[in-house]
Amino acid sequence: MDARHQIALDMAEAATAWLGSLTDDQRAVAHGSGPAYDEGAYAERRRWFYTPTDHGGLTVHEQRPAQQRAAMRLVATGLSMAGYVTIATTMGLENVLDRVEGFVTRFDRERGRDPGMYYLRVFGEPGGEAPWGWRFGGHHVSLNNLVVGGELVSTTPCFMGADPASSPLLGGALNRPLARVEDLARELVRSLPPELAARAVLLDKAPSDFVTANRSSVSEGDQVIPLAGIWRDERFPDDTEQAKLQKLSDDIDAAAAYTPEDHRTVEYTHAPKGVAGHLLDRSQRELLHALLGTYFDRVPEGVSPLPSYDAAALDDVHFAWAGPTEPGEPHYYRLQGPRLLVEWDNTQRGANHAHSVWRDPEADFGLDVLARHRAQHH
């Protein structure tokens, strides 16, 4: 049995155990009705967020400890050990962020920075040949997995963030969950000779967030969505909290100081921007390969696409950067190639608030496989 089938089996076992541990009321929230491909589930499954909004599903808070353990067991089936540690650390950072902000942030809920507000939902019936999937998300986490025909066919979009991106530990050490995701890219851009750097660095200032945001699909001309637009509901019921969010969003955009022309320069296009891998020297290609690994190796080894990125595949990966290249300055980068889109930004909170996402522009949420399944079976 290959890895994708074995992991799908592990996921089905863990999902079944978790759902079986829930009460009827809990299951009504945790289990999406109907097959993973029907109209309602299809639309909801493609809604994803990385802000502290309602991600859809049963929260950690709404579960007993044994149920929480079963939930995290399911989450772990879709991650490598390093990926799982990063997610667990990100969840714990909510307590750190709450202190950084003075324990006052609310948004539209009782506690705005809350390690218990991470949501898990299963779509369809785990196991068997029919499509099914699961989604786990909360502030700075979004995992999306689809199984079709007993095989794990999609793990994107896969989002991981960190806020603070860097925070102190005892003895002068630093907690930087996404350190290599940032540092390898900076090392790569700073290694480029002037003629390649001129091609790779799109602008000397970074956008306020990554460009494709939480769109269900990416399209030609996509530009940054302001923070206030990346929430499940259009506005909060509490006008005061809505005003606070809007001001925060406006301040973030003002700090980026992007003009319409700047947005056009960094907008998403089907034709990749930046410098192509085939123009890099050996050491730079090694950096590019290692950087890809910080995204692909979030998932279990057997499904990571990293081994397929041989010399020919690296040739077609483009690397683009925006912002200063000095450490500690707001910056953004993008990796783009066939069926590949990676975006990173660390711009907010004085460049101490990081976002990173791995996407497949042609097949996020397994849409290519679902289309074939529908054609064959429906």
Protein backbone atom coordinates (compact mmCIF):
# COMPACT_ATOMS: atom_id res chain seq x y z
CA MET A 1 0.00 0.00 0.00
CA ASP A 2 1.43 3.38 -0.97
CA ALA A 3 1.74 6.28 1.44
CA ARG A 4 -1.27 8.24 0.20
CA HIS A 5 -3.58 5.26 0.79
CA GLN A 6 -2.07 4.47 4.18
CA ILE A 7 -2.37 8.06 5.36
CA ALA A 8 -5.97 8.14 4.13
CA LEU A 9 -6.67 5.02 6.19
CA ASP A 10 -5.09 6.63 9.24
CA MET A 11 -7.16 9.74 8.69
CA ALA A 12 -10.38 7.74 8.33
CA GLU A 13 -9.69 5.81 11.53
CA ALA A 14 -8.90 8.96 13.48
CA ALA A 15 -11.89 10.87 12.06
CA THR A 16 -14.27 8.02 12.82
CA ALA A 17 -12.96 7.77 16.38
CA TRP A 18 -13.29 11.51 16.94
CA LEU A 19 -16.82 11.71 15.53
CA GLY A 20 -17.78 8.63 17.56
CA SER A 21 -16.67 10.33 20.77
CA LEU A 22 -18.99 13.31 20.27
CA THR A 23 -22.51 13.89 21.49
CA ASP A 24 -25.28 14.35 18.94
CA ASP A 25 -25.21 18.11 19.44
CA GLN A 26 -21.45 18.27 19.02
CA ARG A 27 -21.59 16.06 15.93
CA ALA A 28 -24.15 18.35 14.32
CA VAL A 29 -21.51 21.09 14.34
CA ALA A 30 -18.47 18.91 13.66
CA HIS A 31 -19.76 16.84 10.74
CA GLY A 32 -20.66 18.54 7.46
CA SER A 33 -23.91 17.17 6.08
CA GLY A 34 -23.91 15.17 2.87
CA PRO A 35 -21.00 14.05 0.69
CA ALA A 36 -17.84 16.16 0.53
CA TYR A 37 -18.74 17.15 -3.03
CA ASP A 38 -22.39 18.19 -2.74
CA GLU A 39 -23.22 21.84 -3.34
CA GLY A 40 -23.44 23.01 0.26
CA ALA A 41 -20.44 21.10 1.57
CA TYR A 42 -18.44 21.99 -1.54
CA ALA A 43 -18.96 25.70 -1.00
CA GLU A 44 -18.29 25.57 2.75
CA ARG A 45 -15.23 23.32 2.41
CA ARG A 46 -13.61 25.94 0.19
CA ARG A 47 -14.07 28.69 2.76
CA TRP A 48 -10.86 29.12 4.68
CA PHE A 49 -9.37 31.81 6.89
CA TYR A 50 -6.23 32.69 8.80
CA THR A 51 -7.67 35.46 10.94
CA PRO A 52 -9.21 34.87 14.42
CA THR A 53 -12.70 34.43 13.00
CA ASP A 54 -15.17 31.54 12.93
CA HIS A 55 -13.47 28.92 10.73
CA GLY A 56 -16.46 26.57 10.88
CA GLY A 57 -16.65 23.39 12.93
CA LEU A 58 -16.33 22.31 16.55
CA THR A 59 -13.89 24.33 18.63
CA VAL A 60 -11.39 22.97 21.14
CA HIS A 61 -13.36 24.78 23.86
CA GLU A 62 -16.51 22.83 23.01
CA GLN A 63 -14.86 19.44 23.63
CA ARG A 64 -13.97 17.37 26.65
CA PRO A 65 -10.25 16.56 27.12
CA ALA A 66 -10.55 13.07 25.64
CA GLN A 67 -12.36 14.51 22.64
CA GLN A 68 -9.66 17.16 22.26
CA ARG A 69 -7.05 14.41 22.19
CA ALA A 70 -8.99 12.54 19.51
CA ALA A 71 -9.27 15.76 17.50
CA MET A 72 -5.54 16.41 17.67
CA ARG A 73 -4.88 12.81 16.70
CA LEU A 74 -6.80 13.48 13.47
CA VAL A 75 -4.89 16.74 12.91
CA ALA A 76 -1.61 14.88 13.37
CA THR A 77 -2.41 12.40 10.60
CA GLY A 78 -2.12 15.22 8.06
CA LEU A 79 1.19 16.59 9.32
CA SER A 80 4.81 15.64 9.68
CA MET A 81 6.21 15.80 13.19
CA ALA A 82 7.76 19.20 12.40
CA GLY A 83 4.46 20.39 10.95
CA TYR A 84 2.55 19.24 14.02
CA VAL A 85 4.98 20.95 16.40
CA THR A 86 4.67 24.17 14.41
CA ILE A 87 0.85 24.06 14.55
CA ALA A 88 0.84 23.30 18.27
CA THR A 89 3.29 26.15 18.88
CA THR A 90 1.18 28.56 16.84
CA MET A 91 -1.89 27.69 18.89
CA GLY A 92 0.04 28.32 22.10
CA LEU A 93 1.26 31.68 20.82
CA GLU A 94 -2.28 33.01 21.28
CA ASN A 95 -1.48 33.32 25.00
CA VAL A 96 1.76 35.17 24.19
CA LEU A 97 0.00 37.51 21.78
CA ASP A 98 -2.67 38.23 24.38
CA ARG A 99 0.03 39.43 26.77
CA VAL A 100 1.75 41.46 24.05
CA GLU A 101 -1.53 43.29 23.45
CA GLY A 102 -2.27 43.76 27.15
CA PHE A 103 -5.02 41.12 27.47
CA VAL A 104 -7.62 43.44 25.93
CA THR A 105 -8.29 42.23 22.36
CA ARG A 106 -11.87 41.02 21.83
CA PHE A 107 -12.95 41.23 18.18
CA ASP A 108 -16.41 39.61 18.01
CA ARG A 109 -15.97 37.13 20.86
CA GLU A 110 -15.30 36.93 24.58
CA ARG A 111 -11.54 36.56 24.13
CA GLY A 112 -9.89 37.71 20.92
CA ARG A 113 -6.64 35.78 21.37
CA ASP A 114 -7.76 32.33 22.39
CA PRO A 115 -5.92 28.98 22.03
CA GLY A 116 -9.24 27.20 22.41
CA MET A 117 -10.78 28.78 19.31
CA TYR A 118 -9.49 26.31 16.74
CA TYR A 119 -12.12 24.56 14.69
CA LEU A 120 -12.31 21.01 13.29
CA ARG A 121 -14.91 19.80 10.79
CA VAL A 122 -15.26 16.57 8.80
CA PHE A 123 -17.00 16.59 5.40
CA GLY A 124 -18.58 13.39 4.15
CA GLU A 125 -18.20 9.90 5.60
CA PRO A 126 -14.64 8.85 6.51
CA GLY A 127 -13.43 5.70 4.79
CA GLY A 128 -14.74 3.96 1.71
CA GLU A 129 -14.55 5.12 -1.88
CA ALA A 130 -16.72 8.26 -1.70
CA PRO A 131 -14.92 11.59 -1.36
CA TRP A 132 -14.54 12.92 2.16
CA GLY A 133 -12.28 15.43 3.85
CA TRP A 134 -11.53 17.47 6.91
CA ARG A 135 -10.53 21.03 7.77
CA PHE A 136 -8.74 22.39 10.83
CA GLY A 137 -8.20 26.07 11.41
CA GLY A 138 -7.99 29.04 13.69
CA HIS A 139 -5.81 32.11 13.97
CA HIS A 140 -2.76 31.48 11.75
CA VAL A 141 -3.68 27.85 10.99
CA SER A 142 -5.59 26.40 8.05
CA LEU A 143 -5.27 22.74 7.04
CA ASN A 144 -7.44 21.34 4.23
CA ASN A 145 -7.40 17.65 3.28
CA LEU A 146 -9.43 15.64 0.78
CA VAL A 147 -9.58 11.86 0.32
CA VAL A 148 -11.02 10.32 -2.85
CA GLY A 149 -11.12 6.61 -3.60
CA GLY A 150 -9.28 5.84 -0.38
CA GLU A 151 -6.34 8.07 -1.35
CA LEU A 152 -5.24 11.42 0.08
CA VAL A 153 -5.40 13.61 -3.02
CA SER A 154 -5.10 17.17 -1.68
CA THR A 155 -3.45 18.96 1.25
CA THR A 156 -3.79 22.56 0.06
CA PRO A 157 -4.32 25.35 0.89
CA CYS A 158 -1.90 24.82 3.78
CA PHE A 159 -1.41 27.93 5.91
CA MET A 160 0.88 28.44 8.89
CA GLY A 161 1.60 31.74 10.62
CA ALA A 162 3.18 33.05 13.80
CA ASP A 163 2.45 36.11 15.92
CA PRO A 164 4.79 37.00 17.45
CA ALA A 165 7.08 35.58 14.78
CA SER A 166 9.91 35.98 17.28
CA SER A 167 9.56 36.00 21.06
CA PRO A 168 12.05 35.60 23.92
CA LEU A 169 12.88 32.40 25.74
CA LEU A 170 15.00 32.02 28.86
CA GLY A 171 18.73 32.38 28.50
CA GLY A 172 18.50 34.74 25.55
CA ALA A 173 17.08 32.17 23.12
CA LEU A 174 14.31 33.03 20.67
CA ASN A 175 11.12 31.20 19.82
CA ARG A 176 10.83 31.50 16.00
CA PRO A 177 8.48 28.77 14.71
CA LEU A 178 8.92 29.83 11.06
CA ALA A 179 12.58 30.86 11.26
CA ARG A 180 13.85 28.78 8.34
CA VAL A 181 10.85 29.72 6.21
CA GLU A 182 12.02 33.32 6.48
CA ASP A 183 15.78 32.99 6.71
CA LEU A 184 16.34 30.70 3.73
CA ALA A 185 14.45 33.08 1.45
CA ARG A 186 16.42 36.06 2.70
CA GLU A 187 19.67 34.18 2.23
CA LEU A 188 18.62 33.38 -1.32
CA VAL A 189 17.69 36.92 -2.32
CA ARG A 190 20.84 38.37 -0.75
CA SER A 191 22.97 35.86 -2.67
CA LEU A 192 21.77 37.04 -6.07
CA PRO A 193 24.10 39.08 -8.28
CA PRO A 194 22.82 42.55 -9.19
CA GLU A 195 21.35 41.57 -12.55
CA LEU A 196 19.27 38.74 -10.99
CA ALA A 197 18.39 40.75 -7.89
CA ALA A 198 16.94 43.44 -10.16
CA ARG A 199 14.67 40.79 -11.65
CA ALA A 200 13.76 39.12 -8.33
CA VAL A 201 13.05 42.21 -6.20
CA LEU A 202 9.77 43.60 -7.49
CA LEU A 203 9.61 46.60 -5.14
CA ASP A 204 11.62 48.08 -2.29
CA LYS A 205 8.58 47.97 0.01
CA ALA A 206 6.38 45.03 0.99
CA PRO A 207 2.60 44.66 0.69
CA SER A 208 0.61 44.64 3.92
CA ASP A 209 -0.27 40.93 3.59
CA PHE A 210 0.20 38.13 1.11
CA VAL A 211 -1.42 38.85 -2.20
CA THR A 212 -3.92 36.05 -2.81
CA ALA A 213 -5.25 36.19 0.77
CA ASN A 214 -7.90 33.56 1.64
CA ARG A 215 -9.58 33.38 -1.76
CA SER A 216 -11.08 29.99 -2.59
CA SER A 217 -9.26 30.12 -5.93
CA VAL A 218 -6.55 32.38 -7.29
CA SER A 219 -7.07 34.45 -10.41
CA GLU A 220 -5.16 36.75 -12.70
CA GLY A 221 -4.87 40.19 -11.14
CA ASP A 222 -5.56 39.20 -7.51
CA GLN A 223 -4.37 41.90 -5.11
CA VAL A 224 -4.10 42.24 -1.33
CA ILE A 225 -7.38 42.13 0.60
CA PRO A 226 -7.43 44.50 3.61
CA LEU A 227 -7.48 42.74 6.97
CA ALA A 228 -11.07 43.74 7.71
CA GLY A 229 -12.21 41.77 4.66
CA ILE A 230 -10.74 38.43 5.78
CA TRP A 231 -13.48 37.36 8.21
CA ARG A 232 -16.45 35.02 7.94
CA ASP A 233 -19.03 37.77 8.53
CA GLU A 234 -18.97 41.14 6.81
CA ARG A 235 -19.05 43.03 10.10
CA PHE A 236 -19.24 42.47 13.86
CA PRO A 237 -22.56 42.94 15.68
CA ASP A 238 -20.73 45.24 18.12
CA ASP A 239 -20.12 48.56 16.35
CA THR A 240 -17.27 49.48 18.70
CA GLU A 241 -15.38 46.27 17.97
CA GLN A 242 -16.03 46.68 14.25
CA ALA A 243 -14.59 50.19 14.38
CA LYS A 244 -11.48 48.88 16.15
CA LEU A 245 -10.98 46.22 13.47
CA GLN A 246 -11.44 48.73 10.68
CA LYS A 247 -8.92 51.11 12.25
CA LEU A 248 -6.41 48.28 12.66
CA SER A 249 -6.95 47.30 9.03
CA ASP A 250 -6.57 50.89 7.84
CA ASP A 251 -3.40 51.42 9.90
CA ILE A 252 -1.82 48.27 8.45
CA ASP A 253 -2.55 49.45 4.89
CA ALA A 254 -1.29 52.95 5.65
CA ALA A 255 1.99 51.56 7.01
CA ALA A 256 2.54 49.63 3.76
CA ALA A 257 2.00 52.87 1.80
CA TYR A 258 1.13 51.00 -1.39
CA THR A 259 -0.08 52.92 -4.41
CA PRO A 260 -2.35 51.39 -7.08
CA GLU A 261 0.75 50.99 -9.24
CA ASP A 262 2.54 49.15 -6.43
CA HIS A 263 -0.38 46.76 -6.09
CA ARG A 264 -0.26 46.07 -9.84
CA THR A 265 3.45 45.37 -9.60
CA VAL A 266 3.03 42.60 -7.03
CA GLU A 267 -0.42 41.32 -8.02
CA TYR A 268 -0.83 37.64 -8.82
CA THR A 269 -0.42 36.71 -12.47
CA HIS A 270 -0.49 33.33 -14.16
CA ALA A 271 2.89 34.16 -15.69
CA PRO A 272 5.33 33.93 -12.76
CA LYS A 273 7.18 37.03 -11.59
CA GLY A 274 10.76 37.14 -10.42
CA VAL A 275 13.81 35.11 -11.33
CA ALA A 276 13.56 31.55 -12.68
CA GLY A 277 15.34 28.65 -11.06
CA HIS A 278 17.30 27.81 -14.21
CA LEU A 279 19.17 31.13 -13.81
CA LEU A 280 20.43 30.28 -10.33
CA ASP A 281 23.79 28.75 -9.55
CA ARG A 282 24.23 25.49 -7.68
CA SER A 283 24.27 26.93 -4.16
CA GLN A 284 21.27 29.14 -4.89
CA ARG A 285 19.34 26.16 -6.26
CA GLU A 286 20.13 24.28 -3.06
CA LEU A 287 18.69 27.18 -1.08
CA LEU A 288 15.59 27.17 -3.29
CA HIS A 289 15.13 23.43 -2.78
CA ALA A 290 15.54 23.78 0.99
CA LEU A 291 13.06 26.66 1.02
CA LEU A 292 10.49 24.56 -0.81
CA GLY A 293 11.02 21.91 1.85
CA THR A 294 9.83 24.29 4.57
CA TYR A 295 6.43 24.19 2.85
CA PHE A 296 6.21 20.69 1.37
CA ASP A 297 7.53 18.91 4.44
CA ARG A 298 4.67 20.19 6.57
CA VAL A 299 2.79 17.09 5.45
CA PRO A 300 3.82 13.46 6.10
CA GLU A 301 6.92 12.30 4.27
CA GLY A 302 5.03 9.95 1.98
CA VAL A 303 2.94 12.75 0.45
CA SER A 304 5.48 15.58 0.38
CA PRO A 305 6.12 16.63 -3.24
CA LEU A 306 9.70 17.66 -2.43
CA PRO A 307 11.32 14.51 -3.91
CA SER A 308 9.74 15.34 -7.28
CA TYR A 309 11.55 18.66 -7.42
CA ASP A 310 14.56 17.49 -9.37
CA ALA A 311 16.77 19.76 -11.49
CA ALA A 312 14.16 20.11 -14.26
CA ALA A 313 11.37 21.00 -11.84
CA LEU A 314 13.51 23.58 -10.04
CA ASP A 315 14.22 25.23 -13.39
CA ASP A 316 10.57 26.29 -13.59
CA VAL A 317 10.21 27.67 -10.05
CA HIS A 318 10.31 31.47 -9.95
CA PHE A 319 11.36 33.46 -6.89
CA ALA A 320 10.16 37.02 -6.29
CA TRP A 321 10.69 39.37 -3.34
CA ALA A 322 9.28 42.73 -2.20
CA GLY A 323 10.70 44.96 0.53
CA PRO A 324 14.15 45.45 2.05
CA THR A 325 16.40 42.40 2.35
CA GLU A 326 17.85 43.31 5.74
CA PRO A 327 16.67 41.24 8.74
CA GLY A 328 13.95 42.87 10.80
CA GLU A 329 12.42 44.85 7.92
CA PRO A 330 8.94 44.24 6.48
CA HIS A 331 9.19 41.88 3.51
CA TYR A 332 7.30 39.53 1.21
CA TYR A 333 8.24 36.71 -1.16
CA ARG A 334 6.58 34.38 -3.64
CA LEU A 335 7.50 31.04 -5.20
CA GLN A 336 5.59 30.14 -8.33
CA GLY A 337 5.74 27.37 -10.89
CA PRO A 338 3.58 24.67 -12.45
CA ARG A 339 0.88 23.79 -9.89
CA LEU A 340 2.76 25.75 -7.27
CA LEU A 341 2.13 28.97 -5.40
CA VAL A 342 3.89 29.84 -2.16
CA GLU A 343 3.53 33.20 -0.44
CA TRP A 344 5.16 34.62 2.67
CA ASP A 345 4.90 37.96 4.40
CA ASN A 346 6.29 39.35 7.61
CA THR A 347 5.22 42.97 7.62
CA GLN A 348 2.82 43.71 10.45
CA ARG A 349 3.62 44.49 14.10
CA GLY A 350 7.05 45.84 13.16
CA ALA A 351 7.85 42.83 10.97
CA ASN A 352 7.11 40.41 13.80
CA HIS A 353 3.92 38.82 12.46
CA ALA A 354 4.42 36.14 9.81
CA HIS A 355 2.12 34.45 7.29
CA SER A 356 2.99 31.56 4.98
CA VAL A 357 0.83 29.58 2.57
CA TRP A 358 1.33 26.73 0.10
CA ARG A 359 -1.27 26.40 -2.67
CA ASP A 360 -1.90 24.52 -5.90
CA PRO A 361 -3.57 27.12 -8.16
CA GLU A 362 -4.99 24.41 -10.41
CA ALA A 363 -6.18 21.96 -7.78
CA ASP A 364 -6.61 23.46 -4.31
CA PHE A 365 -9.16 21.47 -2.30
CA GLY A 366 -8.70 18.57 -4.76
CA LEU A 367 -10.94 20.20 -7.34
CA ASP A 368 -9.25 18.41 -10.25
CA VAL A 369 -9.80 14.98 -8.71
CA LEU A 370 -13.37 15.80 -7.69
CA ALA A 371 -14.15 16.86 -11.25
CA ARG A 372 -12.92 13.51 -12.57
CA HIS A 373 -14.85 11.67 -9.85
CA ARG A 374 -18.07 13.45 -10.75
CA ALA A 375 -17.60 12.74 -14.44
CA GLN A 376 -17.07 9.02 -13.77
CA HIS A 377 -19.67 8.39 -11.06
CA HIS A 378 -22.44 10.99 -11.31
